[in-house]
Amino acid sequence: MDEKKEYYGIITEIWKAFRKHIGTVSEITSATDTRWKEICDDFDRIEASAPEHMKRYAGEMVLLHVDELERRWRH
C-alpha cells in the first residue's frame, strides 16, 4: 500500500475517534468515569491495528489526541 495512504488512514481513524469523544469529555465529572475506558479503548484499537512499521507514529498521535481530550476535561 502507498505509504501516504497508510498515514492518511491512521490519522483519519484518530480524527473520527477524537470527534466522537470530544463532546463526551465535557460531560465527564470524575476520573473514574467508565467512559474514559471506552475512549482509551477506541484509541488503543487504532494503535494496535496500525501496520508494524507505523505503530510508533500511530502511538504518538494517539497519545497526543488522548492528552488533548484529558486537558479539555480538566479545564
Protein backbone atom coordinates (compact mmCIF):
# COMPACT_ATOMS: atom_id res chain seq x y z
CA MET A 1 0.00 0.00 0.00
CA ASP A 2 1.12 3.55 -0.67
CA GLU A 3 2.75 4.94 2.47
CA LYS A 4 0.86 8.23 2.20
CA LYS A 5 -2.41 6.32 2.23
CA GLU A 6 -1.33 4.44 5.35
CA TYR A 7 -0.61 7.71 7.18
CA TYR A 8 -3.90 9.13 5.96
CA GLY A 9 -5.76 6.04 7.16
CA ILE A 10 -4.29 6.30 10.64
CA ILE A 11 -4.93 10.00 11.05
CA THR A 12 -8.46 9.59 9.68
CA GLU A 13 -9.26 6.94 12.29
CA ILE A 14 -7.75 9.10 15.02
CA TRP A 15 -9.79 12.10 13.88
CA LYS A 16 -13.00 10.03 13.89
CA ALA A 17 -12.32 8.85 17.45
CA PHE A 18 -11.39 12.38 18.58
CA ARG A 19 -14.52 13.84 17.04
CA LYS A 20 -16.65 11.08 18.58
CA HIS A 21 -15.34 11.70 22.10
CA ILE A 22 -14.74 15.46 22.23
CA GLY A 23 -18.30 16.10 23.39
CA THR A 24 -18.20 13.27 25.89
CA VAL A 25 -15.28 14.65 27.89
CA SER A 26 -17.21 17.80 28.74
CA GLU A 27 -19.84 15.60 30.41
CA ILE A 28 -17.38 13.58 32.50
CA THR A 29 -17.16 14.67 36.14
CA SER A 30 -14.84 12.02 37.56
CA ALA A 31 -11.52 10.48 36.62
CA THR A 32 -13.06 7.09 37.40
CA ASP A 33 -15.92 7.55 34.92
CA THR A 34 -16.13 4.38 32.83
CA ARG A 35 -16.35 6.43 29.65
CA TRP A 36 -12.61 7.06 29.94
CA LYS A 37 -12.05 3.35 29.37
CA GLU A 38 -14.21 3.45 26.24
CA ILE A 39 -12.28 6.46 24.96
CA CYS A 40 -8.90 4.86 25.62
CA ASP A 41 -10.03 1.55 24.11
CA ASP A 42 -11.05 3.30 20.88
CA PHE A 43 -7.63 4.91 20.58
CA ASP A 44 -5.75 1.77 21.64
CA ARG A 45 -7.53 -0.13 18.87
CA ILE A 46 -6.17 2.32 16.30
CA GLU A 47 -2.61 1.89 17.50
CA ALA A 48 -2.94 -1.90 17.68
CA SER A 49 -4.29 -2.15 14.13
CA ALA A 50 -1.60 0.06 12.57
CA PRO A 51 0.92 -1.65 10.31
CA GLU A 52 4.02 -2.69 12.25
CA HIS A 53 6.23 -0.08 10.60
CA MET A 54 3.76 2.68 11.57
CA LYS A 55 2.95 1.68 15.16
CA ARG A 56 5.27 4.30 16.63
CA TYR A 57 3.64 7.06 14.60
CA ALA A 58 0.15 5.81 15.45
CA GLY A 59 1.05 5.53 19.13
CA GLU A 60 2.44 9.05 19.31
CA MET A 61 -0.57 10.53 17.53
CA VAL A 62 -2.94 8.60 19.79
CA LEU A 63 -1.16 9.92 22.88
CA LEU A 64 -1.38 13.46 21.59
CA HIS A 65 -5.11 13.25 20.99
CA VAL A 66 -5.95 11.48 24.25
CA ASP A 67 -3.85 14.07 26.10
CA GLU A 68 -5.83 16.85 24.42
CA LEU A 69 -9.12 15.23 25.45
CA GLU A 70 -7.87 14.95 29.02
CA ARG A 71 -6.73 18.59 29.03
CA ARG A 72 -10.16 19.68 27.79
CA TRP A 73 -11.76 17.65 30.58
CA ARG A 74 -9.53 19.14 33.28
CA HIS A 75 -10.03 22.77 32.25
